Amino acid sequence: MGIRPRQLVAWIVGAGVVALALFLALVGATVTATILVDQVPGADAGIASSPALDSAYATMAWTLPAFVAVVLIGVMVPLIAHRRRSRMR
């Protein structure tokens, strides 16, 4: 049968909420890393680090690809569903 309009709206809202959470985590980690780079001597040159700075970098490393993937999947599923639905009519 395909995806119904209510399911599509639920999908869009769900993907939007997940994308927003990932975006906020990414922004938070970026701000944290920016502040910590200024506070740790030698961190701006890559010489020194701290556990908190490493944690912020690790968070940025997984939230950016996850955010991009959720946005792409969240946009593509409704587009594909719309295209399939318009072909069936």
PDB file of N, CA and C in Angstrom:
ATOM      1  N   MET A   1       0.813  -1.194   0.000  1.00  0.00           N
ATOM      2  CA  MET A   1       0.000   0.000   0.000  1.00  0.00           C
ATOM      3  C   MET A   1       0.857   1.258   0.000  1.00  0.00           C
ATOM      4  N   GLY A   2       1.921   1.258   0.752  1.00  0.00           N
ATOM      5  CA  GLY A   2       2.742   2.464   0.811  1.00  0.00           C
ATOM      6  C   GLY A   2       2.630   3.153   2.150  1.00  0.00           C
ATOM      7  N   ILE A   3       3.235   4.290   2.213  1.00  0.00           N
ATOM      8  CA  ILE A   3       3.220   5.068   3.440  1.00  0.00           C
ATOM      9  C   ILE A   3       2.035   6.021   3.420  1.00  0.00           C
ATOM     10  N   ARG A   4       1.290   6.033   4.504  1.00  0.00           N
ATOM     11  CA  ARG A   4       0.138   6.923   4.615  1.00  0.00           C
ATOM     12  C   ARG A   4       0.594   8.306   5.053  1.00  0.00           C
ATOM     13  N   PRO A   5      -0.221   9.341   4.796  1.00  0.00           N
ATOM     14  CA  PRO A   5       0.170  10.708   5.181  1.00  0.00           C
ATOM     15  C   PRO A   5       0.463  10.875   6.674  1.00  0.00           C
ATOM     16  N   ARG A   6      -0.283  10.221   7.527  1.00  0.00           N
ATOM     17  CA  ARG A   6      -0.021  10.330   8.972  1.00  0.00           C
ATOM     18  C   ARG A   6       1.323   9.722   9.335  1.00  0.00           C
ATOM     19  N   GLN A   7       1.645   8.610   8.706  1.00  0.00           N
ATOM     20  CA  GLN A   7       2.947   7.988   8.950  1.00  0.00           C
ATOM     21  C   GLN A   7       4.069   8.889   8.455  1.00  0.00           C
ATOM     22  N   LEU A   8       3.835   9.556   7.339  1.00  0.00           N
ATOM     23  CA  LEU A   8       4.833  10.468   6.790  1.00  0.00           C
ATOM     24  C   LEU A   8       5.066  11.652   7.718  1.00  0.00           C
ATOM     25  N   VAL A   9       3.995  12.199   8.260  1.00  0.00           N
ATOM     26  CA  VAL A   9       4.123  13.319   9.199  1.00  0.00           C
ATOM     27  C   VAL A   9       4.861  12.860  10.458  1.00  0.00           C
ATOM     28  N   ALA A  10       4.532  11.691  10.947  1.00  0.00           N
ATOM     29  CA  ALA A  10       5.224  11.157  12.123  1.00  0.00           C
ATOM     30  C   ALA A  10       6.708  10.943  11.822  1.00  0.00           C
ATOM     31  N   TRP A  11       7.014  10.471  10.625  1.00  0.00           N
ATOM     32  CA  TRP A  11       8.408  10.267  10.225  1.00  0.00           C
ATOM     33  C   TRP A  11       9.151  11.600  10.196  1.00  0.00           C
ATOM     34  N   ILE A  12       8.539  12.607   9.594  1.00  0.00           N
ATOM     35  CA  ILE A  12       9.183  13.914   9.482  1.00  0.00           C
ATOM     36  C   ILE A  12       9.412  14.527  10.856  1.00  0.00           C
ATOM     37  N   VAL A  13       8.422  14.446  11.732  1.00  0.00           N
ATOM     38  CA  VAL A  13       8.560  14.995  13.077  1.00  0.00           C
ATOM     39  C   VAL A  13       9.626  14.230  13.860  1.00  0.00           C
ATOM     40  N   GLY A  14       9.610  12.916  13.771  1.00  0.00           N
ATOM     41  CA  GLY A  14      10.603  12.107  14.479  1.00  0.00           C
ATOM     42  C   GLY A  14      12.018  12.385  13.996  1.00  0.00           C
ATOM     43  N   ALA A  15      12.196  12.438  12.676  1.00  0.00           N
ATOM     44  CA  ALA A  15      13.526  12.725  12.133  1.00  0.00           C
ATOM     45  C   ALA A  15      13.959  14.141  12.507  1.00  0.00           C
ATOM     46  N   GLY A  16      13.024  15.061  12.543  1.00  0.00           N
ATOM     47  CA  GLY A  16      13.351  16.431  12.928  1.00  0.00           C
ATOM     48  C   GLY A  16      13.791  16.536  14.377  1.00  0.00           C
ATOM     49  N   VAL A  17      13.130  15.806  15.259  1.00  0.00           N
ATOM     50  CA  VAL A  17      13.494  15.833  16.680  1.00  0.00           C
ATOM     51  C   VAL A  17      14.885  15.220  16.881  1.00  0.00           C
ATOM     52  N   VAL A  18      15.148  14.103  16.208  1.00  0.00           N
ATOM     53  CA  VAL A  18      16.470  13.474  16.326  1.00  0.00           C
ATOM     54  C   VAL A  18      17.552  14.390  15.757  1.00  0.00           C
ATOM     55  N   ALA A  19      17.268  15.004  14.597  1.00  0.00           N
ATOM     56  CA  ALA A  19      18.233  15.925  13.985  1.00  0.00           C
ATOM     57  C   ALA A  19      18.491  17.121  14.890  1.00  0.00           C
ATOM     58  N   LEU A  20      17.462  17.641  15.514  1.00  0.00           N
ATOM     59  CA  LEU A  20      17.632  18.779  16.419  1.00  0.00           C
ATOM     60  C   LEU A  20      18.487  18.392  17.624  1.00  0.00           C
ATOM     61  N   ALA A  21      18.239  17.212  18.187  1.00  0.00           N
ATOM     62  CA  ALA A  21      19.047  16.754  19.334  1.00  0.00           C
ATOM     63  C   ALA A  21      20.512  16.588  18.937  1.00  0.00           C
ATOM     64  N   LEU A  22      20.756  16.014  17.771  1.00  0.00           N
ATOM     65  CA  LEU A  22      22.137  15.844  17.309  1.00  0.00           C
ATOM     66  C   LEU A  22      22.795  17.193  17.036  1.00  0.00           C
ATOM     67  N   PHE A  23      22.043  18.118  16.473  1.00  0.00           N
ATOM     68  CA  PHE A  23      22.591  19.445  16.188  1.00  0.00           C
ATOM     69  C   PHE A  23      22.962  20.163  17.483  1.00  0.00           C
ATOM     70  N   LEU A  24      22.096  20.072  18.487  1.00  0.00           N
ATOM     71  CA  LEU A  24      22.395  20.710  19.767  1.00  0.00           C
ATOM     72  C   LEU A  24      23.618  20.072  20.436  1.00  0.00           C
ATOM     73  N   ALA A  25      23.750  18.754  20.328  1.00  0.00           N
ATOM     74  CA  ALA A  25      24.931  18.084  20.882  1.00  0.00           C
ATOM     75  C   ALA A  25      26.193  18.528  20.145  1.00  0.00           C
ATOM     76  N   LEU A  26      26.085  18.680  18.824  1.00  0.00           N
ATOM     77  CA  LEU A  26      27.229  19.125  18.027  1.00  0.00           C
ATOM     78  C   LEU A  26      27.626  20.550  18.380  1.00  0.00           C
ATOM     79  N   VAL A  27      26.663  21.430  18.503  1.00  0.00           N
ATOM     80  CA  VAL A  27      26.955  22.818  18.864  1.00  0.00           C
ATOM     81  C   VAL A  27      27.538  22.891  20.277  1.00  0.00           C
ATOM     82  N   GLY A  28      26.982  22.133  21.202  1.00  0.00           N
ATOM     83  CA  GLY A  28      27.510  22.118  22.567  1.00  0.00           C
ATOM     84  C   GLY A  28      28.944  21.638  22.628  1.00  0.00           C
ATOM     85  N   ALA A  29      29.255  20.575  21.886  1.00  0.00           N
ATOM     86  CA  ALA A  29      30.627  20.060  21.873  1.00  0.00           C
ATOM     87  C   ALA A  29      31.576  21.049  21.208  1.00  0.00           C
ATOM     88  N   THR A  30      31.095  21.726  20.175  1.00  0.00           N
ATOM     89  CA  THR A  30      31.931  22.721  19.497  1.00  0.00           C
ATOM     90  C   THR A  30      32.244  23.892  20.409  1.00  0.00           C
ATOM     91  N   VAL A  31      31.248  24.369  21.111  1.00  0.00           N
ATOM     92  CA  VAL A  31      31.462  25.480  22.049  1.00  0.00           C
ATOM     93  C   VAL A  31      32.398  25.052  23.166  1.00  0.00           C
ATOM     94  N   THR A  32      32.194  23.859  23.687  1.00  0.00           N
ATOM     95  CA  THR A  32      33.063  23.349  24.749  1.00  0.00           C
ATOM     96  C   THR A  32      34.503  23.239  24.276  1.00  0.00           C
ATOM     97  N   ALA A  33      34.703  22.691  23.083  1.00  0.00           N
ATOM     98  CA  ALA A  33      36.059  22.561  22.550  1.00  0.00           C
ATOM     99  C   ALA A  33      36.691  23.925  22.310  1.00  0.00           C
ATOM    100  N   THR A  34      35.903  24.879  21.825  1.00  0.00           N
ATOM    101  CA  THR A  34      36.430  26.227  21.587  1.00  0.00           C
ATOM    102  C   THR A  34      36.892  26.874  22.884  1.00  0.00           C
ATOM    103  N   ILE A  35      36.115  26.717  23.935  1.00  0.00           N
ATOM    104  CA  ILE A  35      36.486  27.300  25.232  1.00  0.00           C
ATOM    105  C   ILE A  35      37.704  26.589  25.805  1.00  0.00           C
ATOM    106  N   LEU A  36      37.726  25.261  25.717  1.00  0.00           N
ATOM    107  CA  LEU A  36      38.833  24.503  26.307  1.00  0.00           C
ATOM    108  C   LEU A  36      40.148  24.701  25.560  1.00  0.00           C
ATOM    109  N   VAL A  37      40.087  24.917  24.258  1.00  0.00           N
ATOM    110  CA  VAL A  37      41.322  25.144  23.494  1.00  0.00           C
ATOM    111  C   VAL A  37      42.020  26.395  24.001  1.00  0.00           C
ATOM    112  N   ASP A  38      41.245  27.389  24.380  1.00  0.00           N
ATOM    113  CA  ASP A  38      41.841  28.620  24.906  1.00  0.00           C
ATOM    114  C   ASP A  38      42.388  28.444  26.320  1.00  0.00           C
ATOM    115  N   GLN A  39      41.862  27.498  27.070  1.00  0.00           N
ATOM    116  CA  GLN A  39      42.265  27.334  28.465  1.00  0.00           C
ATOM    117  C   GLN A  39      43.427  26.365  28.661  1.00  0.00           C
ATOM    118  N   VAL A  40      43.578  25.396  27.774  1.00  0.00           N
ATOM    119  CA  VAL A  40      44.654  24.409  27.920  1.00  0.00           C
ATOM    120  C   VAL A  40      45.896  24.934  27.207  1.00  0.00           C
ATOM    121  N   PRO A  41      46.996  25.135  27.923  1.00  0.00           N
ATOM    122  CA  PRO A  41      48.208  25.641  27.278  1.00  0.00           C
ATOM    123  C   PRO A  41      48.733  24.668  26.220  1.00  0.00           C
ATOM    124  N   GLY A  42      48.957  25.169  25.027  1.00  0.00           N
ATOM    125  CA  GLY A  42      49.474  24.364  23.935  1.00  0.00           C
ATOM    126  C   GLY A  42      48.428  23.602  23.152  1.00  0.00           C
ATOM    127  N   ALA A  43      47.164  23.676  23.542  1.00  0.00           N
ATOM    128  CA  ALA A  43      46.121  22.924  22.846  1.00  0.00           C
ATOM    129  C   ALA A  43      45.826  23.510  21.473  1.00  0.00           C
ATOM    130  N   ASP A  44      45.996  24.821  21.331  1.00  0.00           N
ATOM    131  CA  ASP A  44      45.717  25.433  20.035  1.00  0.00           C
ATOM    132  C   ASP A  44      46.735  25.013  18.980  1.00  0.00           C
ATOM    133  N   ALA A  45      47.918  24.608  19.399  1.00  0.00           N
ATOM    134  CA  ALA A  45      48.948  24.132  18.470  1.00  0.00           C
ATOM    135  C   ALA A  45      48.927  22.612  18.342  1.00  0.00           C
ATOM    136  N   GLY A  46      48.050  21.959  19.074  1.00  0.00           N
ATOM    137  CA  GLY A  46      47.970  20.511  19.024  1.00  0.00           C
ATOM    138  C   GLY A  46      49.011  19.804  19.862  1.00  0.00           C
ATOM    139  N   ILE A  47      49.690  20.551  20.722  1.00  0.00           N
ATOM    140  CA  ILE A  47      50.757  19.976  21.544  1.00  0.00           C
ATOM    141  C   ILE A  47      50.189  19.304  22.786  1.00  0.00           C
ATOM    142  N   ALA A  48      49.219  19.930  23.406  1.00  0.00           N
ATOM    143  CA  ALA A  48      48.658  19.422  24.664  1.00  0.00           C
ATOM    144  C   ALA A  48      47.162  19.178  24.499  1.00  0.00           C
ATOM    145  N   SER A  49      46.618  18.439  25.430  1.00  0.00           N
ATOM    146  CA  SER A  49      45.191  18.156  25.421  1.00  0.00           C
ATOM    147  C   SER A  49      44.747  17.883  26.850  1.00  0.00           C
ATOM    148  N   SER A  50      43.464  17.655  27.000  1.00  0.00           N
ATOM    149  CA  SER A  50      42.915  17.275  28.298  1.00  0.00           C
ATOM    150  C   SER A  50      41.802  16.262  28.037  1.00  0.00           C
ATOM    151  N   PRO A  51      41.406  15.518  29.041  1.00  0.00           N
ATOM    152  CA  PRO A  51      40.317  14.552  28.836  1.00  0.00           C
ATOM    153  C   PRO A  51      39.019  15.225  28.376  1.00  0.00           C
ATOM    154  N   ALA A  52      38.734  16.412  28.906  1.00  0.00           N
ATOM    155  CA  ALA A  52      37.511  17.108  28.502  1.00  0.00           C
ATOM    156  C   ALA A  52      37.584  17.547  27.046  1.00  0.00           C
ATOM    157  N   LEU A  53      38.749  18.012  26.618  1.00  0.00           N
ATOM    158  CA  LEU A  53      38.925  18.429  25.224  1.00  0.00           C
ATOM    159  C   LEU A  53      38.836  17.223  24.292  1.00  0.00           C
ATOM    160  N   ASP A  54      39.451  16.115  24.675  1.00  0.00           N
ATOM    161  CA  ASP A  54      39.355  14.890  23.875  1.00  0.00           C
ATOM    162  C   ASP A  54      37.915  14.398  23.784  1.00  0.00           C
ATOM    163  N   SER A  55      37.181  14.526  24.861  1.00  0.00           N
ATOM    164  CA  SER A  55      35.776  14.129  24.869  1.00  0.00           C
ATOM    165  C   SER A  55      34.951  15.023  23.940  1.00  0.00           C
ATOM    166  N   ALA A  56      35.218  16.319  23.955  1.00  0.00           N
ATOM    167  CA  ALA A  56      34.501  17.234  23.062  1.00  0.00           C
ATOM    168  C   ALA A  56      34.806  16.912  21.602  1.00  0.00           C
ATOM    169  N   TYR A  57      36.064  16.613  21.301  1.00  0.00           N
ATOM    170  CA  TYR A  57      36.432  16.240  19.930  1.00  0.00           C
ATOM    171  C   TYR A  57      35.763  14.930  19.514  1.00  0.00           C
ATOM    172  N   ALA A  58      35.723  13.970  20.431  1.00  0.00           N
ATOM    173  CA  ALA A  58      35.083  12.686  20.130  1.00  0.00           C
ATOM    174  C   ALA A  58      33.583  12.865  19.886  1.00  0.00           C
ATOM    175  N   THR A  59      32.954  13.731  20.666  1.00  0.00           N
ATOM    176  CA  THR A  59      31.531  13.997  20.476  1.00  0.00           C
ATOM    177  C   THR A  59      31.282  14.652  19.127  1.00  0.00           C
ATOM    178  N   MET A  60      32.139  15.596  18.743  1.00  0.00           N
ATOM    179  CA  MET A  60      31.993  16.217  17.428  1.00  0.00           C
ATOM    180  C   MET A  60      32.212  15.200  16.314  1.00  0.00           C
ATOM    181  N   ALA A  61      33.118  14.250  16.536  1.00  0.00           N
ATOM    182  CA  ALA A  61      33.451  13.277  15.504  1.00  0.00           C
ATOM    183  C   ALA A  61      32.287  12.343  15.176  1.00  0.00           C
ATOM    184  N   TRP A  62      31.434  12.035  16.152  1.00  0.00           N
ATOM    185  CA  TRP A  62      30.319  11.151  15.822  1.00  0.00           C
ATOM    186  C   TRP A  62      29.013  11.891  15.592  1.00  0.00           C
ATOM    187  N   THR A  63      28.853  13.096  16.170  1.00  0.00           N
ATOM    188  CA  THR A  63      27.573  13.785  15.970  1.00  0.00           C
ATOM    189  C   THR A  63      27.446  14.391  14.578  1.00  0.00           C
ATOM    190  N   LEU A  64      28.533  14.847  13.992  1.00  0.00           N
ATOM    191  CA  LEU A  64      28.434  15.434  12.652  1.00  0.00           C
ATOM    192  C   LEU A  64      27.988  14.402  11.609  1.00  0.00           C
ATOM    193  N   PRO A  65      28.637  13.238  11.501  1.00  0.00           N
ATOM    194  CA  PRO A  65      28.138  12.261  10.519  1.00  0.00           C
ATOM    195  C   PRO A  65      26.735  11.755  10.841  1.00  0.00           C
ATOM    196  N   ALA A  66      26.425  11.605  12.129  1.00  0.00           N
ATOM    197  CA  ALA A  66      25.082  11.155  12.498  1.00  0.00           C
ATOM    198  C   ALA A  66      24.042  12.204  12.118  1.00  0.00           C
ATOM    199  N   PHE A  67      24.347  13.480  12.328  1.00  0.00           N
ATOM    200  CA  PHE A  67      23.431  14.559  11.965  1.00  0.00           C
ATOM    201  C   PHE A  67      23.194  14.570  10.454  1.00  0.00           C
ATOM    202  N   VAL A  68      24.260  14.466   9.687  1.00  0.00           N
ATOM    203  CA  VAL A  68      24.127  14.469   8.227  1.00  0.00           C
ATOM    204  C   VAL A  68      23.305  13.270   7.763  1.00  0.00           C
ATOM    205  N   ALA A  69      23.551  12.098   8.339  1.00  0.00           N
ATOM    206  CA  ALA A  69      22.805  10.903   7.955  1.00  0.00           C
ATOM    207  C   ALA A  69      21.322  11.027   8.293  1.00  0.00           C
ATOM    208  N   VAL A  70      21.012  11.525   9.476  1.00  0.00           N
ATOM    209  CA  VAL A  70      19.599  11.670   9.873  1.00  0.00           C
ATOM    210  C   VAL A  70      18.894  12.676   8.975  1.00  0.00           C
ATOM    211  N   VAL A  71      19.556  13.770   8.641  1.00  0.00           N
ATOM    212  CA  VAL A  71      18.935  14.763   7.766  1.00  0.00           C
ATOM    213  C   VAL A  71      18.706  14.175   6.376  1.00  0.00           C
ATOM    214  N   LEU A  72      19.700  13.493   5.834  1.00  0.00           N
ATOM    215  CA  LEU A  72      19.533  12.898   4.501  1.00  0.00           C
ATOM    216  C   LEU A  72      18.427  11.851   4.479  1.00  0.00           C
ATOM    217  N   ILE A  73      18.414  10.968   5.461  1.00  0.00           N
ATOM    218  CA  ILE A  73      17.372   9.945   5.516  1.00  0.00           C
ATOM    219  C   ILE A  73      16.012  10.583   5.775  1.00  0.00           C
ATOM    220  N   GLY A  74      15.981  11.572   6.664  1.00  0.00           N
ATOM    221  CA  GLY A  74      14.726  12.252   6.981  1.00  0.00           C
ATOM    222  C   GLY A  74      14.141  13.002   5.804  1.00  0.00           C
ATOM    223  N   VAL A  75      14.976  13.457   4.890  1.00  0.00           N
ATOM    224  CA  VAL A  75      14.490  14.161   3.698  1.00  0.00           C
ATOM    225  C   VAL A  75      14.159  13.175   2.578  1.00  0.00           C
ATOM    226  N   MET A  76      14.977  12.155   2.418  1.00  0.00           N
ATOM    227  CA  MET A  76      14.798  11.236   1.295  1.00  0.00           C
ATOM    228  C   MET A  76      13.559  10.354   1.422  1.00  0.00           C
ATOM    229  N   VAL A  77      13.258   9.879   2.604  1.00  0.00           N
ATOM    230  CA  VAL A  77      12.098   8.994   2.768  1.00  0.00           C
ATOM    231  C   VAL A  77      10.796   9.678   2.344  1.00  0.00           C
ATOM    232  N   PRO A  78      10.501  10.909   2.792  1.00  0.00           N
ATOM    233  CA  PRO A  78       9.273  11.550   2.314  1.00  0.00           C
ATOM    234  C   PRO A  78       9.292  11.826   0.806  1.00  0.00           C
ATOM    235  N   LEU A  79      10.456  12.178   0.257  1.00  0.00           N
ATOM    236  CA  LEU A  79      10.522  12.416  -1.186  1.00  0.00           C
ATOM    237  C   LEU A  79      10.247  11.142  -1.981  1.00  0.00           C
ATOM    238  N   ILE A  80      10.839  10.043  -1.556  1.00  0.00           N
ATOM    239  CA  ILE A  80      10.600   8.769  -2.238  1.00  0.00           C
ATOM    240  C   ILE A  80       9.143   8.346  -2.087  1.00  0.00           C
ATOM    241  N   ALA A  81       8.590   8.513  -0.898  1.00  0.00           N
ATOM    242  CA  ALA A  81       7.183   8.153  -0.670  1.00  0.00           C
ATOM    243  C   ALA A  81       6.264   9.004  -1.535  1.00  0.00           C
ATOM    244  N   HIS A  82       6.568  10.284  -1.652  1.00  0.00           N
ATOM    245  CA  HIS A  82       5.734  11.169  -2.485  1.00  0.00           C
ATOM    246  C   HIS A  82       5.826  10.754  -3.948  1.00  0.00           C
ATOM    247  N   ARG A  83       7.023  10.447  -4.397  1.00  0.00           N
ATOM    248  CA  ARG A  83       7.203  10.036  -5.794  1.00  0.00           C
ATOM    249  C   ARG A  83       6.464   8.725  -6.084  1.00  0.00           C
ATOM    250  N   ARG A  84       6.572   7.764  -5.169  1.00  0.00           N
ATOM    251  CA  ARG A  84       5.867   6.495  -5.367  1.00  0.00           C
ATOM    252  C   ARG A  84       4.363   6.673  -5.320  1.00  0.00           C
ATOM    253  N   ARG A  85       3.915   7.557  -4.454  1.00  0.00           N
ATOM    254  CA  ARG A  85       2.479   7.786  -4.323  1.00  0.00           C
ATOM    255  C   ARG A  85       1.930   8.472  -5.559  1.00  0.00           C
ATOM    256  N   SER A  86       2.677   9.419  -6.122  1.00  0.00           N
ATOM    257  CA  SER A  86       2.193  10.120  -7.313  1.00  0.00           C
ATOM    258  C   SER A  86       2.212   9.202  -8.532  1.00  0.00           C
ATOM    259  N   ARG A  87       3.099   8.222  -8.570  1.00  0.00           N
ATOM    260  CA  ARG A  87       3.115   7.252  -9.678  1.00  0.00           C
ATOM    261  C   ARG A  87       1.947   6.293  -9.596  1.00  0.00           C
ATOM    262  N   MET A  88       1.501   5.973  -8.385  1.00  0.00           N
ATOM    263  CA  MET A  88       0.408   5.014  -8.226  1.00  0.00           C
ATOM    264  C   MET A  88      -0.941   5.623  -8.590  1.00  0.00           C
ATOM    265  N   ARG A  89      -1.031   6.910  -8.591  1.00  0.00           N
ATOM    266  CA  ARG A  89      -2.316   7.550  -8.912  1.00  0.00           C
ATOM    267  C   ARG A  89      -2.553   7.652 -10.369  1.00  0.00           C
TER     268      ARG A  89
END
